[in-house]
PDB file of N, CA and C in Angstrom:
ATOM      1  N   MET A   1     -39.302   0.083 227.528  1.00  0.00           N
ATOM      2  CA  MET A   1     -38.106   0.782 227.935  1.00  0.00           C
ATOM      3  C   MET A   1     -37.357   1.308 226.711  1.00  0.00           C
ATOM      4  N   VAL A   2     -36.672   2.419 226.913  1.00  0.00           N
ATOM      5  CA  VAL A   2     -35.912   3.077 225.856  1.00  0.00           C
ATOM      6  C   VAL A   2     -34.449   3.124 226.288  1.00  0.00           C
ATOM      7  N   THR A   3     -33.550   2.959 225.331  1.00  0.00           N
ATOM      8  CA  THR A   3     -32.115   3.012 225.609  1.00  0.00           C
ATOM      9  C   THR A   3     -31.514   4.253 224.961  1.00  0.00           C
ATOM     10  N   MET A   4     -30.682   4.956 225.720  1.00  0.00           N
ATOM     11  CA  MET A   4     -29.969   6.125 225.211  1.00  0.00           C
ATOM     12  C   MET A   4     -28.473   5.883 225.387  1.00  0.00           C
ATOM     13  N   LEU A   5     -27.708   6.103 224.342  1.00  0.00           N
ATOM     14  CA  LEU A   5     -26.251   6.099 224.447  1.00  0.00           C
ATOM     15  C   LEU A   5     -25.821   7.548 224.565  1.00  0.00           C
ATOM     16  N   ALA A   6     -24.986   7.850 225.564  1.00  0.00           N
ATOM     17  CA  ALA A   6     -24.683   9.243 225.871  1.00  0.00           C
ATOM     18  C   ALA A   6     -23.265   9.392 226.408  1.00  0.00           C
ATOM     19  N   THR A   7     -22.823  10.647 226.459  1.00  0.00           N
ATOM     20  CA  THR A   7     -21.514  11.005 227.010  1.00  0.00           C
ATOM     21  C   THR A   7     -21.740  11.824 228.273  1.00  0.00           C
ATOM     22  N   VAL A   8     -21.078  11.447 229.365  1.00  0.00           N
ATOM     23  CA  VAL A   8     -21.206  12.158 230.640  1.00  0.00           C
ATOM     24  C   VAL A   8     -20.571  13.536 230.527  1.00  0.00           C
ATOM     25  N   VAL A   9     -21.317  14.562 230.948  1.00  0.00           N
ATOM     26  CA  VAL A   9     -20.799  15.929 231.022  1.00  0.00           C
ATOM     27  C   VAL A   9     -20.396  16.226 232.457  1.00  0.00           C
ATOM     28  N   GLN A  10     -21.283  15.915 233.410  1.00  0.00           N
ATOM     29  CA  GLN A  10     -21.037  16.185 234.825  1.00  0.00           C
ATOM     30  C   GLN A  10     -21.944  15.295 235.652  1.00  0.00           C
ATOM     31  N   ALA A  11     -21.449  14.816 236.791  1.00  0.00           N
ATOM     32  CA  ALA A  11     -22.249  13.979 237.684  1.00  0.00           C
ATOM     33  C   ALA A  11     -22.145  14.503 239.108  1.00  0.00           C
ATOM     34  N   TRP A  12     -23.261  14.475 239.831  1.00  0.00           N
ATOM     35  CA  TRP A  12     -23.285  14.905 241.230  1.00  0.00           C
ATOM     36  C   TRP A  12     -24.493  14.263 241.897  1.00  0.00           C
ATOM     37  N   GLY A  13     -24.342  13.922 243.149  1.00  0.00           N
ATOM     38  CA  GLY A  13     -25.450  13.346 243.921  1.00  0.00           C
ATOM     39  C   GLY A  13     -26.106  12.190 243.197  1.00  0.00           C
ATOM     40  N   THR A  14     -27.401  12.340 242.919  1.00  0.00           N
ATOM     41  CA  THR A  14     -28.153  11.305 242.203  1.00  0.00           C
ATOM     42  C   THR A  14     -28.545  11.783 240.808  1.00  0.00           C
ATOM     43  N   GLN A  15     -27.775  12.731 240.268  1.00  0.00           N
ATOM     44  CA  GLN A  15     -28.060  13.264 238.932  1.00  0.00           C
ATOM     45  C   GLN A  15     -26.801  13.246 238.076  1.00  0.00           C
ATOM     46  N   VAL A  16     -27.019  13.149 236.774  1.00  0.00           N
ATOM     47  CA  VAL A  16     -25.897  13.218 235.828  1.00  0.00           C
ATOM     48  C   VAL A  16     -26.382  13.962 234.589  1.00  0.00           C
ATOM     49  N   LEU A  17     -25.583  14.906 234.134  1.00  0.00           N
ATOM     50  CA  LEU A  17     -25.865  15.634 232.906  1.00  0.00           C
ATOM     51  C   LEU A  17     -25.106  14.940 231.791  1.00  0.00           C
ATOM     52  N   VAL A  18     -25.822  14.570 230.724  1.00  0.00           N
ATOM     53  CA  VAL A  18     -25.210  13.854 229.606  1.00  0.00           C
ATOM     54  C   VAL A  18     -25.538  14.548 228.298  1.00  0.00           C
ATOM     55  N   THR A  19     -24.774  14.202 227.269  1.00  0.00           N
ATOM     56  CA  THR A  19     -25.085  14.595 225.898  1.00  0.00           C
ATOM     57  C   THR A  19     -25.523  13.339 225.165  1.00  0.00           C
ATOM     58  N   ASP A  20     -26.746  13.356 224.630  1.00  0.00           N
ATOM     59  CA  ASP A  20     -27.279  12.224 223.876  1.00  0.00           C
ATOM     60  C   ASP A  20     -26.449  12.068 222.604  1.00  0.00           C
ATOM     61  N   ASN A  21     -25.845  10.893 222.409  1.00  0.00           N
ATOM     62  CA  ASN A  21     -24.993  10.668 221.239  1.00  0.00           C
ATOM     63  C   ASN A  21     -25.779  10.692 219.933  1.00  0.00           C
ATOM     64  N   ALA A  22     -27.085  10.435 219.988  1.00  0.00           N
ATOM     65  CA  ALA A  22     -27.900  10.374 218.771  1.00  0.00           C
ATOM     66  C   ALA A  22     -28.176  11.747 218.175  1.00  0.00           C
ATOM     67  N   ASN A  23     -28.332  12.764 219.052  1.00  0.00           N
ATOM     68  CA  ASN A  23     -28.734  14.077 218.529  1.00  0.00           C
ATOM     69  C   ASN A  23     -27.969  15.263 219.132  1.00  0.00           C
ATOM     70  N   GLY A  24     -27.033  15.017 220.039  1.00  0.00           N
ATOM     71  CA  GLY A  24     -26.235  16.092 220.627  1.00  0.00           C
ATOM     72  C   GLY A  24     -26.944  16.906 221.691  1.00  0.00           C
ATOM     73  N   GLN A  25     -28.141  16.488 222.083  1.00  0.00           N
ATOM     74  CA  GLN A  25     -28.933  17.224 223.081  1.00  0.00           C
ATOM     75  C   GLN A  25     -28.461  16.878 224.487  1.00  0.00           C
ATOM     76  N   ARG A  26     -28.351  17.887 225.316  1.00  0.00           N
ATOM     77  CA  ARG A  26     -28.015  17.656 226.722  1.00  0.00           C
ATOM     78  C   ARG A  26     -29.279  17.233 227.459  1.00  0.00           C
ATOM     79  N   VAL A  27     -29.132  16.245 228.340  1.00  0.00           N
ATOM     80  CA  VAL A  27     -30.254  15.685 229.088  1.00  0.00           C
ATOM     81  C   VAL A  27     -29.818  15.510 230.531  1.00  0.00           C
ATOM     82  N   LEU A  28     -30.687  15.910 231.480  1.00  0.00           N
ATOM     83  CA  LEU A  28     -30.432  15.704 232.898  1.00  0.00           C
ATOM     84  C   LEU A  28     -31.072  14.385 233.300  1.00  0.00           C
ATOM     85  N   VAL A  29     -30.254  13.474 233.814  1.00  0.00           N
ATOM     86  CA  VAL A  29     -30.720  12.140 234.179  1.00  0.00           C
ATOM     87  C   VAL A  29     -30.814  12.049 235.691  1.00  0.00           C
ATOM     88  N   ASN A  30     -31.999  11.686 236.183  1.00  0.00           N
ATOM     89  CA  ASN A  30     -32.222  11.464 237.611  1.00  0.00           C
ATOM     90  C   ASN A  30     -32.213   9.967 237.872  1.00  0.00           C
ATOM     91  N   THR A  31     -31.655   9.571 239.010  1.00  0.00           N
ATOM     92  CA  THR A  31     -31.609   8.161 239.383  1.00  0.00           C
ATOM     93  C   THR A  31     -31.718   8.042 240.893  1.00  0.00           C
ATOM     94  N   ASN A  32     -31.975   6.850 241.374  1.00  0.00           N
ATOM     95  CA  ASN A  32     -32.049   6.622 242.819  1.00  0.00           C
ATOM     96  C   ASN A  32     -30.688   6.312 243.418  1.00  0.00           C
ATOM     97  N   ASN A  33     -29.669   6.227 242.572  1.00  0.00           N
ATOM     98  CA  ASN A  33     -28.337   5.831 243.024  1.00  0.00           C
ATOM     99  C   ASN A  33     -27.350   6.991 242.930  1.00  0.00           C
ATOM    100  N   ASN A  34     -26.273   6.880 243.691  1.00  0.00           N
ATOM    101  CA  ASN A  34     -25.218   7.881 243.669  1.00  0.00           C
ATOM    102  C   ASN A  34     -24.484   7.797 242.329  1.00  0.00           C
ATOM    103  N   THR A  35     -24.260   8.935 241.703  1.00  0.00           N
ATOM    104  CA  THR A  35     -23.575   8.976 240.404  1.00  0.00           C
ATOM    105  C   THR A  35     -22.129   9.446 240.527  1.00  0.00           C
ATOM    106  N   GLY A  36     -21.604   9.498 241.745  1.00  0.00           N
ATOM    107  CA  GLY A  36     -20.256  10.012 241.983  1.00  0.00           C
ATOM    108  C   GLY A  36     -19.148   9.239 241.295  1.00  0.00           C
ATOM    109  N   ASN A  37     -19.430   7.998 240.868  1.00  0.00           N
ATOM    110  CA  ASN A  37     -18.400   7.205 240.200  1.00  0.00           C
ATOM    111  C   ASN A  37     -18.313   7.508 238.704  1.00  0.00           C
ATOM    112  N   LEU A  38     -19.238   8.308 238.175  1.00  0.00           N
ATOM    113  CA  LEU A  38     -19.218   8.655 236.751  1.00  0.00           C
ATOM    114  C   LEU A  38     -18.282   9.839 236.518  1.00  0.00           C
ATOM    115  N   VAL A  39     -17.540   9.780 235.414  1.00  0.00           N
ATOM    116  CA  VAL A  39     -16.528  10.792 235.103  1.00  0.00           C
ATOM    117  C   VAL A  39     -16.864  11.435 233.760  1.00  0.00           C
ATOM    118  N   ALA A  40     -16.663  12.744 233.669  1.00  0.00           N
ATOM    119  CA  ALA A  40     -16.907  13.464 232.420  1.00  0.00           C
ATOM    120  C   ALA A  40     -16.144  12.794 231.279  1.00  0.00           C
ATOM    121  N   GLY A  41     -16.828  12.616 230.154  1.00  0.00           N
ATOM    122  CA  GLY A  41     -16.234  12.002 228.984  1.00  0.00           C
ATOM    123  C   GLY A  41     -16.544  10.520 228.832  1.00  0.00           C
ATOM    124  N   GLU A  42     -16.997   9.871 229.915  1.00  0.00           N
ATOM    125  CA  GLU A  42     -17.334   8.448 229.825  1.00  0.00           C
ATOM    126  C   GLU A  42     -18.566   8.237 228.963  1.00  0.00           C
ATOM    127  N   GLN A  43     -18.584   7.128 228.251  1.00  0.00           N
ATOM    128  CA  GLN A  43     -19.733   6.730 227.453  1.00  0.00           C
ATOM    129  C   GLN A  43     -20.625   5.851 228.320  1.00  0.00           C
ATOM    130  N   VAL A  44     -21.926   6.122 228.320  1.00  0.00           N
ATOM    131  CA  VAL A  44     -22.860   5.358 229.143  1.00  0.00           C
ATOM    132  C   VAL A  44     -24.070   4.919 228.330  1.00  0.00           C
ATOM    133  N   ARG A  45     -24.687   3.826 228.783  1.00  0.00           N
ATOM    134  CA  ARG A  45     -25.957   3.367 228.235  1.00  0.00           C
ATOM    135  C   ARG A  45     -26.991   3.565 229.331  1.00  0.00           C
ATOM    136  N   ILE A  46     -28.032   4.344 229.023  1.00  0.00           N
ATOM    137  CA  ILE A  46     -29.074   4.671 229.989  1.00  0.00           C
ATOM    138  C   ILE A  46     -30.374   4.012 229.544  1.00  0.00           C
ATOM    139  N   VAL A  47     -31.008   3.294 230.445  1.00  0.00           N
ATOM    140  CA  VAL A  47     -32.320   2.704 230.174  1.00  0.00           C
ATOM    141  C   VAL A  47     -33.336   3.497 230.987  1.00  0.00           C
ATOM    142  N   PHE A  48     -34.386   3.979 230.289  1.00  0.00           N
ATOM    143  CA  PHE A  48     -35.438   4.750 230.967  1.00  0.00           C
ATOM    144  C   PHE A  48     -36.779   4.421 230.337  1.00  0.00           C
ATOM    145  N   ASP A  49     -37.863   4.914 230.940  1.00  0.00           N
ATOM    146  CA  ASP A  49     -39.214   4.525 230.518  1.00  0.00           C
ATOM    147  C   ASP A  49     -39.722   5.252 229.275  1.00  0.00           C
ATOM    148  N   GLY A  50     -38.913   6.124 228.683  1.00  0.00           N
ATOM    149  CA  GLY A  50     -39.315   6.841 227.474  1.00  0.00           C
ATOM    150  C   GLY A  50     -39.923   8.197 227.739  1.00  0.00           C
ATOM    151  N   VAL A  51     -40.198   8.504 229.003  1.00  0.00           N
ATOM    152  CA  VAL A  51     -40.776   9.802 229.359  1.00  0.00           C
ATOM    153  C   VAL A  51     -39.654  10.815 229.531  1.00  0.00           C
ATOM    154  N   MET A  52     -39.780  11.959 228.831  1.00  0.00           N
ATOM    155  CA  MET A  52     -38.787  13.034 228.903  1.00  0.00           C
ATOM    156  C   MET A  52     -39.541  14.339 229.088  1.00  0.00           C
ATOM    157  N   THR A  53     -39.130  15.141 230.086  1.00  0.00           N
ATOM    158  CA  THR A  53     -39.806  16.407 230.331  1.00  0.00           C
ATOM    159  C   THR A  53     -39.530  17.389 229.200  1.00  0.00           C
ATOM    160  N   ALA A  54     -40.364  18.414 229.100  1.00  0.00           N
ATOM    161  CA  ALA A  54     -40.196  19.465 228.092  1.00  0.00           C
ATOM    162  C   ALA A  54     -39.360  20.623 228.632  1.00  0.00           C
ATOM    163  N   SER A  55     -38.697  20.426 229.769  1.00  0.00           N
ATOM    164  CA  SER A  55     -37.887  21.479 230.380  1.00  0.00           C
ATOM    165  C   SER A  55     -36.566  21.627 229.629  1.00  0.00           C
ATOM    166  N   LEU A  56     -35.810  22.657 229.983  1.00  0.00           N
ATOM    167  CA  LEU A  56     -34.469  22.865 229.433  1.00  0.00           C
ATOM    168  C   LEU A  56     -33.457  22.782 230.564  1.00  0.00           C
ATOM    169  N   PRO A  57     -32.570  21.823 230.617  1.00  0.00           N
ATOM    170  CA  PRO A  57     -32.533  20.693 229.695  1.00  0.00           C
ATOM    171  C   PRO A  57     -33.658  19.705 230.027  1.00  0.00           C
ATOM    172  N   PRO A  58     -34.018  18.871 229.045  1.00  0.00           N
ATOM    173  CA  PRO A  58     -35.019  17.848 229.337  1.00  0.00           C
ATOM    174  C   PRO A  58     -34.493  16.903 230.415  1.00  0.00           C
ATOM    175  N   GLN A  59     -35.410  16.285 231.160  1.00  0.00           N
ATOM    176  CA  GLN A  59     -35.027  15.376 232.232  1.00  0.00           C
ATOM    177  C   GLN A  59     -35.667  14.016 232.017  1.00  0.00           C
ATOM    178  N   ILE A  60     -34.924  12.974 232.421  1.00  0.00           N
ATOM    179  CA  ILE A  60     -35.444  11.612 232.398  1.00  0.00           C
ATOM    180  C   ILE A  60     -35.123  10.957 233.738  1.00  0.00           C
ATOM    181  N   SER A  61     -35.814   9.874 234.040  1.00  0.00           N
ATOM    182  CA  SER A  61     -35.529   9.069 235.229  1.00  0.00           C
ATOM    183  C   SER A  61     -34.982   7.731 234.767  1.00  0.00           C
ATOM    184  N   ALA A  62     -33.743   7.454 235.126  1.00  0.00           N
ATOM    185  CA  ALA A  62     -33.066   6.244 234.652  1.00  0.00           C
ATOM    186  C   ALA A  62     -33.464   5.021 235.463  1.00  0.00           C
ATOM    187  N   GLN A  63     -33.711   3.925 234.749  1.00  0.00           N
ATOM    188  CA  GLN A  63     -33.853   2.612 235.389  1.00  0.00           C
ATOM    189  C   GLN A  63     -32.467   2.054 235.661  1.00  0.00           C
ATOM    190  N   SER A  64     -31.531   2.299 234.719  1.00  0.00           N
ATOM    191  CA  SER A  64     -30.148   1.860 234.899  1.00  0.00           C
ATOM    192  C   SER A  64     -29.216   2.755 234.082  1.00  0.00           C
ATOM    193  N   ILE A  65     -27.982   2.877 234.569  1.00  0.00           N
ATOM    194  CA  ILE A  65     -26.917   3.589 233.865  1.00  0.00           C
ATOM    195  C   ILE A  65     -25.702   2.668 233.881  1.00  0.00           C
ATOM    196  N   CYS A  66     -25.229   2.269 232.703  1.00  0.00           N
ATOM    197  CA  CYS A  66     -24.079   1.377 232.591  1.00  0.00           C
ATOM    198  C   CYS A  66     -22.960   2.083 231.848  1.00  0.00           C
ATOM    199  N   VAL A  67     -21.766   2.057 232.418  1.00  0.00           N
ATOM    200  CA  VAL A  67     -20.604   2.642 231.749  1.00  0.00           C
ATOM    201  C   VAL A  67     -20.142   1.670 230.673  1.00  0.00           C
ATOM    202  N   LEU A  68     -19.921   2.187 229.471  1.00  0.00           N
ATOM    203  CA  LEU A  68     -19.443   1.371 228.353  1.00  0.00           C
ATOM    204  C   LEU A  68     -17.922   1.470 228.328  1.00  0.00           C
ATOM    205  N   ARG A  69     -17.264   0.381 228.597  1.00  0.00           N
ATOM    206  CA  ARG A  69     -15.804   0.352 228.648  1.00  0.00           C
ATOM    207  C   ARG A  69     -15.243  -0.329 227.408  1.00  0.00           C
ATOM    208  N   VAL A  70     -14.120   0.175 226.929  1.00  0.00           N
ATOM    209  CA  VAL A  70     -13.426  -0.428 225.799  1.00  0.00           C
ATOM    210  C   VAL A  70     -12.139  -1.029 226.337  1.00  0.00           C
ATOM    211  N   TYR A  71     -11.954  -2.316 226.095  1.00  0.00           N
ATOM    212  CA  TYR A  71     -10.751  -3.008 226.581  1.00  0.00           C
ATOM    213  C   TYR A  71      -9.905  -3.449 225.421  1.00  0.00           C
TER     214      TYR A  71
END
């Protein structure tokens, strides 16, 4: 499994568009869960199998998406 730290750009249905914090690349994340609770600007940790499509934007399938909160 691979971990990506990213910033949410937009979320809808079961997809979320993020910016990878490591390289600034936008990535479309697919998941089996509703992403309606994610808000633009939130920091998230995404776990996926390491497979990324060569499309624009690249796409991944998330095993999990966790919001990183600062308290």
